[in-house]
C-alpha atoms as a PDB file:
ATOM      1  CA  MET A   1      86.304 200.785  19.672  1.00  0.00           C
ATOM      2  CA  ALA A   2      82.910 202.330  19.192  1.00  0.00           C
ATOM      3  CA  GLY A   3      81.402 204.554  21.833  1.00  0.00           C
ATOM      4  CA  PRO A   4      78.310 203.479  23.751  1.00  0.00           C
ATOM      5  CA  ASP A   5      76.082 205.053  21.104  1.00  0.00           C
ATOM      6  CA  GLY A   6      78.151 203.512  18.319  1.00  0.00           C
ATOM      7  CA  SER A   7      78.988 206.922  16.917  1.00  0.00           C
ATOM      8  CA  SER A   8      82.767 207.160  17.205  1.00  0.00           C
ATOM      9  CA  VAL A   9      85.618 204.740  16.716  1.00  0.00           C
ATOM     10  CA  THR A  10      89.083 205.098  18.233  1.00  0.00           C
ATOM     11  CA  VAL A  11      91.751 204.738  15.565  1.00  0.00           C
ATOM     12  CA  PRO A  12      95.216 203.856  16.895  1.00  0.00           C
ATOM     13  CA  HIS A  13      97.719 206.315  15.426  1.00  0.00           C
ATOM     14  CA  THR A  14      99.998 203.363  14.721  1.00  0.00           C
ATOM     15  CA  ALA A  15      97.357 201.907  12.380  1.00  0.00           C
ATOM     16  CA  LEU A  16      97.696 204.814   9.949  1.00  0.00           C
ATOM     17  CA  ALA A  17     100.341 205.145   7.267  1.00  0.00           C
ATOM     18  CA  PRO A  18     102.791 207.953   8.144  1.00  0.00           C
ATOM     19  CA  ASP A  19     101.558 210.269   5.377  1.00  0.00           C
ATOM     20  CA  ILE A  20      97.908 209.751   6.357  1.00  0.00           C
ATOM     21  CA  LEU A  21      98.707 210.311  10.045  1.00  0.00           C
ATOM     22  CA  ARG A  22     100.501 213.559   9.229  1.00  0.00           C
ATOM     23  CA  ALA A  23      97.534 214.711   7.108  1.00  0.00           C
ATOM     24  CA  VAL A  24      95.127 213.978   9.997  1.00  0.00           C
ATOM     25  CA  ILE A  25      97.321 215.878  12.457  1.00  0.00           C
ATOM     26  CA  GLU A  26      97.832 218.810  10.059  1.00  0.00           C
ATOM     27  CA  SER A  27      94.097 219.081   9.504  1.00  0.00           C
ATOM     28  CA  PHE A  28      93.563 219.114  13.256  1.00  0.00           C
ATOM     29  CA  VAL A  29      96.163 221.780  14.073  1.00  0.00           C
ATOM     30  CA  LEU A  30      95.100 224.001  11.183  1.00  0.00           C
ATOM     31  CA  ARG A  31      91.456 224.069  12.268  1.00  0.00           C
ATOM     32  CA  GLU A  32      92.054 224.312  16.018  1.00  0.00           C
ATOM     33  CA  GLY A  33      93.592 227.786  16.076  1.00  0.00           C
ATOM     34  CA  THR A  34      95.274 226.934  19.368  1.00  0.00           C
ATOM     35  CA  ASP A  35      97.215 229.628  21.215  1.00  0.00           C
ATOM     36  CA  TYR A  36     100.771 228.405  21.761  1.00  0.00           C
ATOM     37  CA  GLY A  37     101.915 231.345  23.882  1.00  0.00           C
ATOM     38  CA  GLU A  38     104.148 234.260  23.025  1.00  0.00           C
ATOM     39  CA  ARG A  39     106.002 232.719  20.125  1.00  0.00           C
ATOM     40  CA  GLU A  40     104.400 231.342  17.009  1.00  0.00           C
ATOM     41  CA  LEU A  41     105.135 227.715  16.200  1.00  0.00           C
ATOM     42  CA  THR A  42     105.677 226.345  12.721  1.00  0.00           C
ATOM     43  CA  LEU A  43     103.312 223.753  11.312  1.00  0.00           C
ATOM     44  CA  ASP A  44     106.035 221.133  11.790  1.00  0.00           C
ATOM     45  CA  ASP A  45     106.373 222.111  15.479  1.00  0.00           C
ATOM     46  CA  LYS A  46     102.622 221.842  16.015  1.00  0.00           C
ATOM     47  CA  VAL A  47     102.476 218.462  14.250  1.00  0.00           C
ATOM     48  CA  ALA A  48     105.371 217.205  16.387  1.00  0.00           C
ATOM     49  CA  ARG A  49     103.614 218.284  19.603  1.00  0.00           C
ATOM     50  CA  VAL A  50     100.384 216.497  18.672  1.00  0.00           C
ATOM     51  CA  MET A  51     102.339 213.418  17.569  1.00  0.00           C
ATOM     52  CA  ALA A  52     104.077 213.353  20.966  1.00  0.00           C
ATOM     53  CA  LEU A  53     100.682 213.498  22.707  1.00  0.00           C
ATOM     54  CA  LEU A  54      99.451 210.558  20.622  1.00  0.00           C
ATOM     55  CA  GLU A  55     102.608 208.550  21.319  1.00  0.00           C
ATOM     56  CA  ARG A  56     102.337 209.167  25.081  1.00  0.00           C
ATOM     57  CA  GLY A  57      98.659 208.178  25.072  1.00  0.00           C
ATOM     58  CA  GLU A  58      97.574 211.664  26.142  1.00  0.00           C
ATOM     59  CA  ALA A  59      95.487 212.106  22.993  1.00  0.00           C
ATOM     60  CA  LYS A  60      93.638 209.795  20.623  1.00  0.00           C
ATOM     61  CA  ILE A  61      92.182 209.867  17.132  1.00  0.00           C
ATOM     62  CA  LEU A  62      88.421 209.452  16.809  1.00  0.00           C
ATOM     63  CA  PHE A  63      86.544 208.692  13.599  1.00  0.00           C
ATOM     64  CA  ASP A  64      82.804 209.372  13.424  1.00  0.00           C
ATOM     65  CA  PRO A  65      81.350 207.137  10.686  1.00  0.00           C
ATOM     66  CA  GLN A  66      78.020 208.991  10.691  1.00  0.00           C
ATOM     67  CA  SER A  67      79.613 212.300   9.698  1.00  0.00           C
ATOM     68  CA  ALA A  68      82.800 210.798   8.179  1.00  0.00           C
ATOM     69  CA  THR A  69      84.905 213.145  10.293  1.00  0.00           C
ATOM     70  CA  VAL A  70      88.141 212.645  12.196  1.00  0.00           C
ATOM     71  CA  ASP A  71      89.138 214.447  15.385  1.00  0.00           C
ATOM     72  CA  ILE A  72      91.950 214.310  17.907  1.00  0.00           C
ATOM     73  CA  VAL A  73      90.899 214.567  21.531  1.00  0.00           C
ATOM     74  CA  ALA A  74      92.646 214.613  24.887  1.00  0.00           C
ATOM     75  CA  VAL A  75      92.503 211.418  26.908  1.00  0.00           C
ATOM     76  CA  VAL A  76      90.963 212.015  30.312  1.00  0.00           C
ATOM     77  CA  ARG A  77      92.616 209.976  33.024  1.00  0.00           C
END
């Protein structure tokens, strides 16, 4: 679904092949630099956490066709 300005499109995580989905999530966690607390998490742990958020509907994947970029954002309820 495009936003009101037509700039971003929600991409269901289930619509992506598993290897593409993992690449999108890896790209996101590697650029975010998120603080996970006292202990450092492995890349696999971080990917699993983001995947769980997507599966629970607490996050979504957005594609911006104007800039050809993909982002993962929290869903505000």
